[in-house]
PDBML (XML) file of the C-alpha atoms, coordinates in Angstrom:
<?xml version="1.0" encoding="UTF-8" ?>
<PDBx:datablock datablockName="MODEL"
   xmlns:PDBx="http://pdbml.pdb.org/schema/pdbx-v50.xsd"
   xmlns:xsi="http://www.w3.org/2001/XMLSchema-instance"
   xsi:schemaLocation="http://pdbml.pdb.org/schema/pdbx-v50.xsd pdbx-v50.xsd">
   <PDBx:atom_siteCategory>
      <PDBx:atom_site id="1">
         <PDBx:B_iso_or_equiv>0.00</PDBx:B_iso_or_equiv>
         <PDBx:Cartn_x>-5.899</PDBx:Cartn_x>
         <PDBx:Cartn_y>5.069</PDBx:Cartn_y>
         <PDBx:Cartn_z>21.795</PDBx:Cartn_z>
         <PDBx:auth_asym_id>A</PDBx:auth_asym_id>
         <PDBx:auth_atom_id>CA</PDBx:auth_atom_id>
         <PDBx:auth_comp_id>ILE</PDBx:auth_comp_id>
         <PDBx:auth_seq_id>1</PDBx:auth_seq_id>
         <PDBx:group_PDB>ATOM</PDBx:group_PDB>
         <PDBx:label_alt_id xsi:nil="true" />
         <PDBx:label_asym_id>A</PDBx:label_asym_id>
         <PDBx:label_atom_id>CA</PDBx:label_atom_id>
         <PDBx:label_comp_id>ILE</PDBx:label_comp_id>
         <PDBx:label_entity_id>1</PDBx:label_entity_id>
         <PDBx:label_seq_id>1</PDBx:label_seq_id>
         <PDBx:occupancy>1.00</PDBx:occupancy>
         <PDBx:pdbx_PDB_model_num>1</PDBx:pdbx_PDB_model_num>
         <PDBx:type_symbol>C</PDBx:type_symbol>
      </PDBx:atom_site>
      <PDBx:atom_site id="2">
         <PDBx:B_iso_or_equiv>0.00</PDBx:B_iso_or_equiv>
         <PDBx:Cartn_x>-9.354</PDBx:Cartn_x>
         <PDBx:Cartn_y>5.723</PDBx:Cartn_y>
         <PDBx:Cartn_z>20.378</PDBx:Cartn_z>
         <PDBx:auth_asym_id>A</PDBx:auth_asym_id>
         <PDBx:auth_atom_id>CA</PDBx:auth_atom_id>
         <PDBx:auth_comp_id>LEU</PDBx:auth_comp_id>
         <PDBx:auth_seq_id>2</PDBx:auth_seq_id>
         <PDBx:group_PDB>ATOM</PDBx:group_PDB>
         <PDBx:label_alt_id xsi:nil="true" />
         <PDBx:label_asym_id>A</PDBx:label_asym_id>
         <PDBx:label_atom_id>CA</PDBx:label_atom_id>
         <PDBx:label_comp_id>LEU</PDBx:label_comp_id>
         <PDBx:label_entity_id>1</PDBx:label_entity_id>
         <PDBx:label_seq_id>2</PDBx:label_seq_id>
         <PDBx:occupancy>1.00</PDBx:occupancy>
         <PDBx:pdbx_PDB_model_num>1</PDBx:pdbx_PDB_model_num>
         <PDBx:type_symbol>C</PDBx:type_symbol>
      </PDBx:atom_site>
      <PDBx:atom_site id="3">
         <PDBx:B_iso_or_equiv>0.00</PDBx:B_iso_or_equiv>
         <PDBx:Cartn_x>-7.908</PDBx:Cartn_x>
         <PDBx:Cartn_y>7.982</PDBx:Cartn_y>
         <PDBx:Cartn_z>17.677</PDBx:Cartn_z>
         <PDBx:auth_asym_id>A</PDBx:auth_asym_id>
         <PDBx:auth_atom_id>CA</PDBx:auth_atom_id>
         <PDBx:auth_comp_id>ARG</PDBx:auth_comp_id>
         <PDBx:auth_seq_id>3</PDBx:auth_seq_id>
         <PDBx:group_PDB>ATOM</PDBx:group_PDB>
         <PDBx:label_alt_id xsi:nil="true" />
         <PDBx:label_asym_id>A</PDBx:label_asym_id>
         <PDBx:label_atom_id>CA</PDBx:label_atom_id>
         <PDBx:label_comp_id>ARG</PDBx:label_comp_id>
         <PDBx:label_entity_id>1</PDBx:label_entity_id>
         <PDBx:label_seq_id>3</PDBx:label_seq_id>
         <PDBx:occupancy>1.00</PDBx:occupancy>
         <PDBx:pdbx_PDB_model_num>1</PDBx:pdbx_PDB_model_num>
         <PDBx:type_symbol>C</PDBx:type_symbol>
      </PDBx:atom_site>
      <PDBx:atom_site id="4">
         <PDBx:B_iso_or_equiv>0.00</PDBx:B_iso_or_equiv>
         <PDBx:Cartn_x>-5.577</PDBx:Cartn_x>
         <PDBx:Cartn_y>5.204</PDBx:Cartn_y>
         <PDBx:Cartn_z>16.573</PDBx:Cartn_z>
         <PDBx:auth_asym_id>A</PDBx:auth_asym_id>
         <PDBx:auth_atom_id>CA</PDBx:auth_atom_id>
         <PDBx:auth_comp_id>GLN</PDBx:auth_comp_id>
         <PDBx:auth_seq_id>4</PDBx:auth_seq_id>
         <PDBx:group_PDB>ATOM</PDBx:group_PDB>
         <PDBx:label_alt_id xsi:nil="true" />
         <PDBx:label_asym_id>A</PDBx:label_asym_id>
         <PDBx:label_atom_id>CA</PDBx:label_atom_id>
         <PDBx:label_comp_id>GLN</PDBx:label_comp_id>
         <PDBx:label_entity_id>1</PDBx:label_entity_id>
         <PDBx:label_seq_id>4</PDBx:label_seq_id>
         <PDBx:occupancy>1.00</PDBx:occupancy>
         <PDBx:pdbx_PDB_model_num>1</PDBx:pdbx_PDB_model_num>
         <PDBx:type_symbol>C</PDBx:type_symbol>
      </PDBx:atom_site>
      <PDBx:atom_site id="5">
         <PDBx:B_iso_or_equiv>0.00</PDBx:B_iso_or_equiv>
         <PDBx:Cartn_x>-8.396</PDBx:Cartn_x>
         <PDBx:Cartn_y>2.682</PDBx:Cartn_y>
         <PDBx:Cartn_z>16.811</PDBx:Cartn_z>
         <PDBx:auth_asym_id>A</PDBx:auth_asym_id>
         <PDBx:auth_atom_id>CA</PDBx:auth_atom_id>
         <PDBx:auth_comp_id>GLY</PDBx:auth_comp_id>
         <PDBx:auth_seq_id>5</PDBx:auth_seq_id>
         <PDBx:group_PDB>ATOM</PDBx:group_PDB>
         <PDBx:label_alt_id xsi:nil="true" />
         <PDBx:label_asym_id>A</PDBx:label_asym_id>
         <PDBx:label_atom_id>CA</PDBx:label_atom_id>
         <PDBx:label_comp_id>GLY</PDBx:label_comp_id>
         <PDBx:label_entity_id>1</PDBx:label_entity_id>
         <PDBx:label_seq_id>5</PDBx:label_seq_id>
         <PDBx:occupancy>1.00</PDBx:occupancy>
         <PDBx:pdbx_PDB_model_num>1</PDBx:pdbx_PDB_model_num>
         <PDBx:type_symbol>C</PDBx:type_symbol>
      </PDBx:atom_site>
      <PDBx:atom_site id="6">
         <PDBx:B_iso_or_equiv>0.00</PDBx:B_iso_or_equiv>
         <PDBx:Cartn_x>-10.564</PDBx:Cartn_x>
         <PDBx:Cartn_y>4.782</PDBx:Cartn_y>
         <PDBx:Cartn_z>14.510</PDBx:Cartn_z>
         <PDBx:auth_asym_id>A</PDBx:auth_asym_id>
         <PDBx:auth_atom_id>CA</PDBx:auth_atom_id>
         <PDBx:auth_comp_id>GLN</PDBx:auth_comp_id>
         <PDBx:auth_seq_id>6</PDBx:auth_seq_id>
         <PDBx:group_PDB>ATOM</PDBx:group_PDB>
         <PDBx:label_alt_id xsi:nil="true" />
         <PDBx:label_asym_id>A</PDBx:label_asym_id>
         <PDBx:label_atom_id>CA</PDBx:label_atom_id>
         <PDBx:label_comp_id>GLN</PDBx:label_comp_id>
         <PDBx:label_entity_id>1</PDBx:label_entity_id>
         <PDBx:label_seq_id>6</PDBx:label_seq_id>
         <PDBx:occupancy>1.00</PDBx:occupancy>
         <PDBx:pdbx_PDB_model_num>1</PDBx:pdbx_PDB_model_num>
         <PDBx:type_symbol>C</PDBx:type_symbol>
      </PDBx:atom_site>
      <PDBx:atom_site id="7">
         <PDBx:B_iso_or_equiv>0.00</PDBx:B_iso_or_equiv>
         <PDBx:Cartn_x>-7.792</PDBx:Cartn_x>
         <PDBx:Cartn_y>4.853</PDBx:Cartn_y>
         <PDBx:Cartn_z>11.895</PDBx:Cartn_z>
         <PDBx:auth_asym_id>A</PDBx:auth_asym_id>
         <PDBx:auth_atom_id>CA</PDBx:auth_atom_id>
         <PDBx:auth_comp_id>MET</PDBx:auth_comp_id>
         <PDBx:auth_seq_id>7</PDBx:auth_seq_id>
         <PDBx:group_PDB>ATOM</PDBx:group_PDB>
         <PDBx:label_alt_id xsi:nil="true" />
         <PDBx:label_asym_id>A</PDBx:label_asym_id>
         <PDBx:label_atom_id>CA</PDBx:label_atom_id>
         <PDBx:label_comp_id>MET</PDBx:label_comp_id>
         <PDBx:label_entity_id>1</PDBx:label_entity_id>
         <PDBx:label_seq_id>7</PDBx:label_seq_id>
         <PDBx:occupancy>1.00</PDBx:occupancy>
         <PDBx:pdbx_PDB_model_num>1</PDBx:pdbx_PDB_model_num>
         <PDBx:type_symbol>C</PDBx:type_symbol>
      </PDBx:atom_site>
      <PDBx:atom_site id="8">
         <PDBx:B_iso_or_equiv>0.00</PDBx:B_iso_or_equiv>
         <PDBx:Cartn_x>-7.480</PDBx:Cartn_x>
         <PDBx:Cartn_y>1.080</PDBx:Cartn_y>
         <PDBx:Cartn_z>12.069</PDBx:Cartn_z>
         <PDBx:auth_asym_id>A</PDBx:auth_asym_id>
         <PDBx:auth_atom_id>CA</PDBx:auth_atom_id>
         <PDBx:auth_comp_id>ILE</PDBx:auth_comp_id>
         <PDBx:auth_seq_id>8</PDBx:auth_seq_id>
         <PDBx:group_PDB>ATOM</PDBx:group_PDB>
         <PDBx:label_alt_id xsi:nil="true" />
         <PDBx:label_asym_id>A</PDBx:label_asym_id>
         <PDBx:label_atom_id>CA</PDBx:label_atom_id>
         <PDBx:label_comp_id>ILE</PDBx:label_comp_id>
         <PDBx:label_entity_id>1</PDBx:label_entity_id>
         <PDBx:label_seq_id>8</PDBx:label_seq_id>
         <PDBx:occupancy>1.00</PDBx:occupancy>
         <PDBx:pdbx_PDB_model_num>1</PDBx:pdbx_PDB_model_num>
         <PDBx:type_symbol>C</PDBx:type_symbol>
      </PDBx:atom_site>
      <PDBx:atom_site id="9">
         <PDBx:B_iso_or_equiv>0.00</PDBx:B_iso_or_equiv>
         <PDBx:Cartn_x>-11.242</PDBx:Cartn_x>
         <PDBx:Cartn_y>0.531</PDBx:Cartn_y>
         <PDBx:Cartn_z>11.851</PDBx:Cartn_z>
         <PDBx:auth_asym_id>A</PDBx:auth_asym_id>
         <PDBx:auth_atom_id>CA</PDBx:auth_atom_id>
         <PDBx:auth_comp_id>ALA</PDBx:auth_comp_id>
         <PDBx:auth_seq_id>9</PDBx:auth_seq_id>
         <PDBx:group_PDB>ATOM</PDBx:group_PDB>
         <PDBx:label_alt_id xsi:nil="true" />
         <PDBx:label_asym_id>A</PDBx:label_asym_id>
         <PDBx:label_atom_id>CA</PDBx:label_atom_id>
         <PDBx:label_comp_id>ALA</PDBx:label_comp_id>
         <PDBx:label_entity_id>1</PDBx:label_entity_id>
         <PDBx:label_seq_id>9</PDBx:label_seq_id>
         <PDBx:occupancy>1.00</PDBx:occupancy>
         <PDBx:pdbx_PDB_model_num>1</PDBx:pdbx_PDB_model_num>
         <PDBx:type_symbol>C</PDBx:type_symbol>
      </PDBx:atom_site>
      <PDBx:atom_site id="10">
         <PDBx:B_iso_or_equiv>0.00</PDBx:B_iso_or_equiv>
         <PDBx:Cartn_x>-11.306</PDBx:Cartn_x>
         <PDBx:Cartn_y>2.586</PDBx:Cartn_y>
         <PDBx:Cartn_z>8.645</PDBx:Cartn_z>
         <PDBx:auth_asym_id>A</PDBx:auth_asym_id>
         <PDBx:auth_atom_id>CA</PDBx:auth_atom_id>
         <PDBx:auth_comp_id>GLN</PDBx:auth_comp_id>
         <PDBx:auth_seq_id>10</PDBx:auth_seq_id>
         <PDBx:group_PDB>ATOM</PDBx:group_PDB>
         <PDBx:label_alt_id xsi:nil="true" />
         <PDBx:label_asym_id>A</PDBx:label_asym_id>
         <PDBx:label_atom_id>CA</PDBx:label_atom_id>
         <PDBx:label_comp_id>GLN</PDBx:label_comp_id>
         <PDBx:label_entity_id>1</PDBx:label_entity_id>
         <PDBx:label_seq_id>10</PDBx:label_seq_id>
         <PDBx:occupancy>1.00</PDBx:occupancy>
         <PDBx:pdbx_PDB_model_num>1</PDBx:pdbx_PDB_model_num>
         <PDBx:type_symbol>C</PDBx:type_symbol>
      </PDBx:atom_site>
      <PDBx:atom_site id="11">
         <PDBx:B_iso_or_equiv>0.00</PDBx:B_iso_or_equiv>
         <PDBx:Cartn_x>-8.824</PDBx:Cartn_x>
         <PDBx:Cartn_y>0.142</PDBx:Cartn_y>
         <PDBx:Cartn_z>7.091</PDBx:Cartn_z>
         <PDBx:auth_asym_id>A</PDBx:auth_asym_id>
         <PDBx:auth_atom_id>CA</PDBx:auth_atom_id>
         <PDBx:auth_comp_id>GLN</PDBx:auth_comp_id>
         <PDBx:auth_seq_id>11</PDBx:auth_seq_id>
         <PDBx:group_PDB>ATOM</PDBx:group_PDB>
         <PDBx:label_alt_id xsi:nil="true" />
         <PDBx:label_asym_id>A</PDBx:label_asym_id>
         <PDBx:label_atom_id>CA</PDBx:label_atom_id>
         <PDBx:label_comp_id>GLN</PDBx:label_comp_id>
         <PDBx:label_entity_id>1</PDBx:label_entity_id>
         <PDBx:label_seq_id>11</PDBx:label_seq_id>
         <PDBx:occupancy>1.00</PDBx:occupancy>
         <PDBx:pdbx_PDB_model_num>1</PDBx:pdbx_PDB_model_num>
         <PDBx:type_symbol>C</PDBx:type_symbol>
      </PDBx:atom_site>
      <PDBx:atom_site id="12">
         <PDBx:B_iso_or_equiv>0.00</PDBx:B_iso_or_equiv>
         <PDBx:Cartn_x>-10.887</PDBx:Cartn_x>
         <PDBx:Cartn_y>-2.977</PDBx:Cartn_y>
         <PDBx:Cartn_z>7.828</PDBx:Cartn_z>
         <PDBx:auth_asym_id>A</PDBx:auth_asym_id>
         <PDBx:auth_atom_id>CA</PDBx:auth_atom_id>
         <PDBx:auth_comp_id>LYS</PDBx:auth_comp_id>
         <PDBx:auth_seq_id>12</PDBx:auth_seq_id>
         <PDBx:group_PDB>ATOM</PDBx:group_PDB>
         <PDBx:label_alt_id xsi:nil="true" />
         <PDBx:label_asym_id>A</PDBx:label_asym_id>
         <PDBx:label_atom_id>CA</PDBx:label_atom_id>
         <PDBx:label_comp_id>LYS</PDBx:label_comp_id>
         <PDBx:label_entity_id>1</PDBx:label_entity_id>
         <PDBx:label_seq_id>12</PDBx:label_seq_id>
         <PDBx:occupancy>1.00</PDBx:occupancy>
         <PDBx:pdbx_PDB_model_num>1</PDBx:pdbx_PDB_model_num>
         <PDBx:type_symbol>C</PDBx:type_symbol>
      </PDBx:atom_site>
      <PDBx:atom_site id="13">
         <PDBx:B_iso_or_equiv>0.00</PDBx:B_iso_or_equiv>
         <PDBx:Cartn_x>-10.870</PDBx:Cartn_x>
         <PDBx:Cartn_y>-5.221</PDBx:Cartn_y>
         <PDBx:Cartn_z>4.767</PDBx:Cartn_z>
         <PDBx:auth_asym_id>A</PDBx:auth_asym_id>
         <PDBx:auth_atom_id>CA</PDBx:auth_atom_id>
         <PDBx:auth_comp_id>GLY</PDBx:auth_comp_id>
         <PDBx:auth_seq_id>13</PDBx:auth_seq_id>
         <PDBx:group_PDB>ATOM</PDBx:group_PDB>
         <PDBx:label_alt_id xsi:nil="true" />
         <PDBx:label_asym_id>A</PDBx:label_asym_id>
         <PDBx:label_atom_id>CA</PDBx:label_atom_id>
         <PDBx:label_comp_id>GLY</PDBx:label_comp_id>
         <PDBx:label_entity_id>1</PDBx:label_entity_id>
         <PDBx:label_seq_id>13</PDBx:label_seq_id>
         <PDBx:occupancy>1.00</PDBx:occupancy>
         <PDBx:pdbx_PDB_model_num>1</PDBx:pdbx_PDB_model_num>
         <PDBx:type_symbol>C</PDBx:type_symbol>
      </PDBx:atom_site>
      <PDBx:atom_site id="14">
         <PDBx:B_iso_or_equiv>0.00</PDBx:B_iso_or_equiv>
         <PDBx:Cartn_x>-8.220</PDBx:Cartn_x>
         <PDBx:Cartn_y>-3.060</PDBx:Cartn_y>
         <PDBx:Cartn_z>3.100</PDBx:Cartn_z>
         <PDBx:auth_asym_id>A</PDBx:auth_asym_id>
         <PDBx:auth_atom_id>CA</PDBx:auth_atom_id>
         <PDBx:auth_comp_id>ILE</PDBx:auth_comp_id>
         <PDBx:auth_seq_id>14</PDBx:auth_seq_id>
         <PDBx:group_PDB>ATOM</PDBx:group_PDB>
         <PDBx:label_alt_id xsi:nil="true" />
         <PDBx:label_asym_id>A</PDBx:label_asym_id>
         <PDBx:label_atom_id>CA</PDBx:label_atom_id>
         <PDBx:label_comp_id>ILE</PDBx:label_comp_id>
         <PDBx:label_entity_id>1</PDBx:label_entity_id>
         <PDBx:label_seq_id>14</PDBx:label_seq_id>
         <PDBx:occupancy>1.00</PDBx:occupancy>
         <PDBx:pdbx_PDB_model_num>1</PDBx:pdbx_PDB_model_num>
         <PDBx:type_symbol>C</PDBx:type_symbol>
      </PDBx:atom_site>
      <PDBx:atom_site id="15">
         <PDBx:B_iso_or_equiv>0.00</PDBx:B_iso_or_equiv>
         <PDBx:Cartn_x>-5.013</PDBx:Cartn_x>
         <PDBx:Cartn_y>-3.500</PDBx:Cartn_y>
         <PDBx:Cartn_z>5.067</PDBx:Cartn_z>
         <PDBx:auth_asym_id>A</PDBx:auth_asym_id>
         <PDBx:auth_atom_id>CA</PDBx:auth_atom_id>
         <PDBx:auth_comp_id>CYS</PDBx:auth_comp_id>
         <PDBx:auth_seq_id>15</PDBx:auth_seq_id>
         <PDBx:group_PDB>ATOM</PDBx:group_PDB>
         <PDBx:label_alt_id xsi:nil="true" />
         <PDBx:label_asym_id>A</PDBx:label_asym_id>
         <PDBx:label_atom_id>CA</PDBx:label_atom_id>
         <PDBx:label_comp_id>CYS</PDBx:label_comp_id>
         <PDBx:label_entity_id>1</PDBx:label_entity_id>
         <PDBx:label_seq_id>15</PDBx:label_seq_id>
         <PDBx:occupancy>1.00</PDBx:occupancy>
         <PDBx:pdbx_PDB_model_num>1</PDBx:pdbx_PDB_model_num>
         <PDBx:type_symbol>C</PDBx:type_symbol>
      </PDBx:atom_site>
      <PDBx:atom_site id="16">
         <PDBx:B_iso_or_equiv>0.00</PDBx:B_iso_or_equiv>
         <PDBx:Cartn_x>-6.224</PDBx:Cartn_x>
         <PDBx:Cartn_y>-4.392</PDBx:Cartn_y>
         <PDBx:Cartn_z>8.564</PDBx:Cartn_z>
         <PDBx:auth_asym_id>A</PDBx:auth_asym_id>
         <PDBx:auth_atom_id>CA</PDBx:auth_atom_id>
         <PDBx:auth_comp_id>ALA</PDBx:auth_comp_id>
         <PDBx:auth_seq_id>16</PDBx:auth_seq_id>
         <PDBx:group_PDB>ATOM</PDBx:group_PDB>
         <PDBx:label_alt_id xsi:nil="true" />
         <PDBx:label_asym_id>A</PDBx:label_asym_id>
         <PDBx:label_atom_id>CA</PDBx:label_atom_id>
         <PDBx:label_comp_id>ALA</PDBx:label_comp_id>
         <PDBx:label_entity_id>1</PDBx:label_entity_id>
         <PDBx:label_seq_id>16</PDBx:label_seq_id>
         <PDBx:occupancy>1.00</PDBx:occupancy>
         <PDBx:pdbx_PDB_model_num>1</PDBx:pdbx_PDB_model_num>
         <PDBx:type_symbol>C</PDBx:type_symbol>
      </PDBx:atom_site>
      <PDBx:atom_site id="17">
         <PDBx:B_iso_or_equiv>0.00</PDBx:B_iso_or_equiv>
         <PDBx:Cartn_x>-7.817</PDBx:Cartn_x>
         <PDBx:Cartn_y>-7.631</PDBx:Cartn_y>
         <PDBx:Cartn_z>9.742</PDBx:Cartn_z>
         <PDBx:auth_asym_id>A</PDBx:auth_asym_id>
         <PDBx:auth_atom_id>CA</PDBx:auth_atom_id>
         <PDBx:auth_comp_id>ASP</PDBx:auth_comp_id>
         <PDBx:auth_seq_id>17</PDBx:auth_seq_id>
         <PDBx:group_PDB>ATOM</PDBx:group_PDB>
         <PDBx:label_alt_id xsi:nil="true" />
         <PDBx:label_asym_id>A</PDBx:label_asym_id>
         <PDBx:label_atom_id>CA</PDBx:label_atom_id>
         <PDBx:label_comp_id>ASP</PDBx:label_comp_id>
         <PDBx:label_entity_id>1</PDBx:label_entity_id>
         <PDBx:label_seq_id>17</PDBx:label_seq_id>
         <PDBx:occupancy>1.00</PDBx:occupancy>
         <PDBx:pdbx_PDB_model_num>1</PDBx:pdbx_PDB_model_num>
         <PDBx:type_symbol>C</PDBx:type_symbol>
      </PDBx:atom_site>
      <PDBx:atom_site id="18">
         <PDBx:B_iso_or_equiv>0.00</PDBx:B_iso_or_equiv>
         <PDBx:Cartn_x>-7.466</PDBx:Cartn_x>
         <PDBx:Cartn_y>-7.193</PDBx:Cartn_y>
         <PDBx:Cartn_z>13.489</PDBx:Cartn_z>
         <PDBx:auth_asym_id>A</PDBx:auth_asym_id>
         <PDBx:auth_atom_id>CA</PDBx:auth_atom_id>
         <PDBx:auth_comp_id>LEU</PDBx:auth_comp_id>
         <PDBx:auth_seq_id>18</PDBx:auth_seq_id>
         <PDBx:group_PDB>ATOM</PDBx:group_PDB>
         <PDBx:label_alt_id xsi:nil="true" />
         <PDBx:label_asym_id>A</PDBx:label_asym_id>
         <PDBx:label_atom_id>CA</PDBx:label_atom_id>
         <PDBx:label_comp_id>LEU</PDBx:label_comp_id>
         <PDBx:label_entity_id>1</PDBx:label_entity_id>
         <PDBx:label_seq_id>18</PDBx:label_seq_id>
         <PDBx:occupancy>1.00</PDBx:occupancy>
         <PDBx:pdbx_PDB_model_num>1</PDBx:pdbx_PDB_model_num>
         <PDBx:type_symbol>C</PDBx:type_symbol>
      </PDBx:atom_site>
      <PDBx:atom_site id="19">
         <PDBx:B_iso_or_equiv>0.00</PDBx:B_iso_or_equiv>
         <PDBx:Cartn_x>-6.167</PDBx:Cartn_x>
         <PDBx:Cartn_y>-4.723</PDBx:Cartn_y>
         <PDBx:Cartn_z>16.060</PDBx:Cartn_z>
         <PDBx:auth_asym_id>A</PDBx:auth_asym_id>
         <PDBx:auth_atom_id>CA</PDBx:auth_atom_id>
         <PDBx:auth_comp_id>CYS</PDBx:auth_comp_id>
         <PDBx:auth_seq_id>19</PDBx:auth_seq_id>
         <PDBx:group_PDB>ATOM</PDBx:group_PDB>
         <PDBx:label_alt_id xsi:nil="true" />
         <PDBx:label_asym_id>A</PDBx:label_asym_id>
         <PDBx:label_atom_id>CA</PDBx:label_atom_id>
         <PDBx:label_comp_id>CYS</PDBx:label_comp_id>
         <PDBx:label_entity_id>1</PDBx:label_entity_id>
         <PDBx:label_seq_id>19</PDBx:label_seq_id>
         <PDBx:occupancy>1.00</PDBx:occupancy>
         <PDBx:pdbx_PDB_model_num>1</PDBx:pdbx_PDB_model_num>
         <PDBx:type_symbol>C</PDBx:type_symbol>
      </PDBx:atom_site>
      <PDBx:atom_site id="20">
         <PDBx:B_iso_or_equiv>0.00</PDBx:B_iso_or_equiv>
         <PDBx:Cartn_x>-3.666</PDBx:Cartn_x>
         <PDBx:Cartn_y>-5.231</PDBx:Cartn_y>
         <PDBx:Cartn_z>18.867</PDBx:Cartn_z>
         <PDBx:auth_asym_id>A</PDBx:auth_asym_id>
         <PDBx:auth_atom_id>CA</PDBx:auth_atom_id>
         <PDBx:auth_comp_id>GLU</PDBx:auth_comp_id>
         <PDBx:auth_seq_id>20</PDBx:auth_seq_id>
         <PDBx:group_PDB>ATOM</PDBx:group_PDB>
         <PDBx:label_alt_id xsi:nil="true" />
         <PDBx:label_asym_id>A</PDBx:label_asym_id>
         <PDBx:label_atom_id>CA</PDBx:label_atom_id>
         <PDBx:label_comp_id>GLU</PDBx:label_comp_id>
         <PDBx:label_entity_id>1</PDBx:label_entity_id>
         <PDBx:label_seq_id>20</PDBx:label_seq_id>
         <PDBx:occupancy>1.00</PDBx:occupancy>
         <PDBx:pdbx_PDB_model_num>1</PDBx:pdbx_PDB_model_num>
         <PDBx:type_symbol>C</PDBx:type_symbol>
      </PDBx:atom_site>
      <PDBx:atom_site id="21">
         <PDBx:B_iso_or_equiv>0.00</PDBx:B_iso_or_equiv>
         <PDBx:Cartn_x>-3.916</PDBx:Cartn_x>
         <PDBx:Cartn_y>-2.996</PDBx:Cartn_y>
         <PDBx:Cartn_z>21.925</PDBx:Cartn_z>
         <PDBx:auth_asym_id>A</PDBx:auth_asym_id>
         <PDBx:auth_atom_id>CA</PDBx:auth_atom_id>
         <PDBx:auth_comp_id>TRP</PDBx:auth_comp_id>
         <PDBx:auth_seq_id>21</PDBx:auth_seq_id>
         <PDBx:group_PDB>ATOM</PDBx:group_PDB>
         <PDBx:label_alt_id xsi:nil="true" />
         <PDBx:label_asym_id>A</PDBx:label_asym_id>
         <PDBx:label_atom_id>CA</PDBx:label_atom_id>
         <PDBx:label_comp_id>TRP</PDBx:label_comp_id>
         <PDBx:label_entity_id>1</PDBx:label_entity_id>
         <PDBx:label_seq_id>21</PDBx:label_seq_id>
         <PDBx:occupancy>1.00</PDBx:occupancy>
         <PDBx:pdbx_PDB_model_num>1</PDBx:pdbx_PDB_model_num>
         <PDBx:type_symbol>C</PDBx:type_symbol>
      </PDBx:atom_site>
      <PDBx:atom_site id="22">
         <PDBx:B_iso_or_equiv>0.00</PDBx:B_iso_or_equiv>
         <PDBx:Cartn_x>-0.496</PDBx:Cartn_x>
         <PDBx:Cartn_y>-2.744</PDBx:Cartn_y>
         <PDBx:Cartn_z>23.563</PDBx:Cartn_z>
         <PDBx:auth_asym_id>A</PDBx:auth_asym_id>
         <PDBx:auth_atom_id>CA</PDBx:auth_atom_id>
         <PDBx:auth_comp_id>ARG</PDBx:auth_comp_id>
         <PDBx:auth_seq_id>22</PDBx:auth_seq_id>
         <PDBx:group_PDB>ATOM</PDBx:group_PDB>
         <PDBx:label_alt_id xsi:nil="true" />
         <PDBx:label_asym_id>A</PDBx:label_asym_id>
         <PDBx:label_atom_id>CA</PDBx:label_atom_id>
         <PDBx:label_comp_id>ARG</PDBx:label_comp_id>
         <PDBx:label_entity_id>1</PDBx:label_entity_id>
         <PDBx:label_seq_id>22</PDBx:label_seq_id>
         <PDBx:occupancy>1.00</PDBx:occupancy>
         <PDBx:pdbx_PDB_model_num>1</PDBx:pdbx_PDB_model_num>
         <PDBx:type_symbol>C</PDBx:type_symbol>
      </PDBx:atom_site>
      <PDBx:atom_site id="23">
         <PDBx:B_iso_or_equiv>0.00</PDBx:B_iso_or_equiv>
         <PDBx:Cartn_x>-1.570</PDBx:Cartn_x>
         <PDBx:Cartn_y>-1.910</PDBx:Cartn_y>
         <PDBx:Cartn_z>27.087</PDBx:Cartn_z>
         <PDBx:auth_asym_id>A</PDBx:auth_asym_id>
         <PDBx:auth_atom_id>CA</PDBx:auth_atom_id>
         <PDBx:auth_comp_id>ILE</PDBx:auth_comp_id>
         <PDBx:auth_seq_id>23</PDBx:auth_seq_id>
         <PDBx:group_PDB>ATOM</PDBx:group_PDB>
         <PDBx:label_alt_id xsi:nil="true" />
         <PDBx:label_asym_id>A</PDBx:label_asym_id>
         <PDBx:label_atom_id>CA</PDBx:label_atom_id>
         <PDBx:label_comp_id>ILE</PDBx:label_comp_id>
         <PDBx:label_entity_id>1</PDBx:label_entity_id>
         <PDBx:label_seq_id>23</PDBx:label_seq_id>
         <PDBx:occupancy>1.00</PDBx:occupancy>
         <PDBx:pdbx_PDB_model_num>1</PDBx:pdbx_PDB_model_num>
         <PDBx:type_symbol>C</PDBx:type_symbol>
      </PDBx:atom_site>
      <PDBx:atom_site id="24">
         <PDBx:B_iso_or_equiv>0.00</PDBx:B_iso_or_equiv>
         <PDBx:Cartn_x>2.041</PDBx:Cartn_x>
         <PDBx:Cartn_y>-1.667</PDBx:Cartn_y>
         <PDBx:Cartn_z>28.325</PDBx:Cartn_z>
         <PDBx:auth_asym_id>A</PDBx:auth_asym_id>
         <PDBx:auth_atom_id>CA</PDBx:auth_atom_id>
         <PDBx:auth_comp_id>ASP</PDBx:auth_comp_id>
         <PDBx:auth_seq_id>24</PDBx:auth_seq_id>
         <PDBx:group_PDB>ATOM</PDBx:group_PDB>
         <PDBx:label_alt_id xsi:nil="true" />
         <PDBx:label_asym_id>A</PDBx:label_asym_id>
         <PDBx:label_atom_id>CA</PDBx:label_atom_id>
         <PDBx:label_comp_id>ASP</PDBx:label_comp_id>
         <PDBx:label_entity_id>1</PDBx:label_entity_id>
         <PDBx:label_seq_id>24</PDBx:label_seq_id>
         <PDBx:occupancy>1.00</PDBx:occupancy>
         <PDBx:pdbx_PDB_model_num>1</PDBx:pdbx_PDB_model_num>
         <PDBx:type_symbol>C</PDBx:type_symbol>
      </PDBx:atom_site>
   </PDBx:atom_siteCategory>
</PDBx:datablock>
């Protein structure tokens, strides 16, 4: 989860505005 989150954070302002954590 944190590995995926890091990838998303790196795309902030490029192709990611927010993150959804699918806890299921």
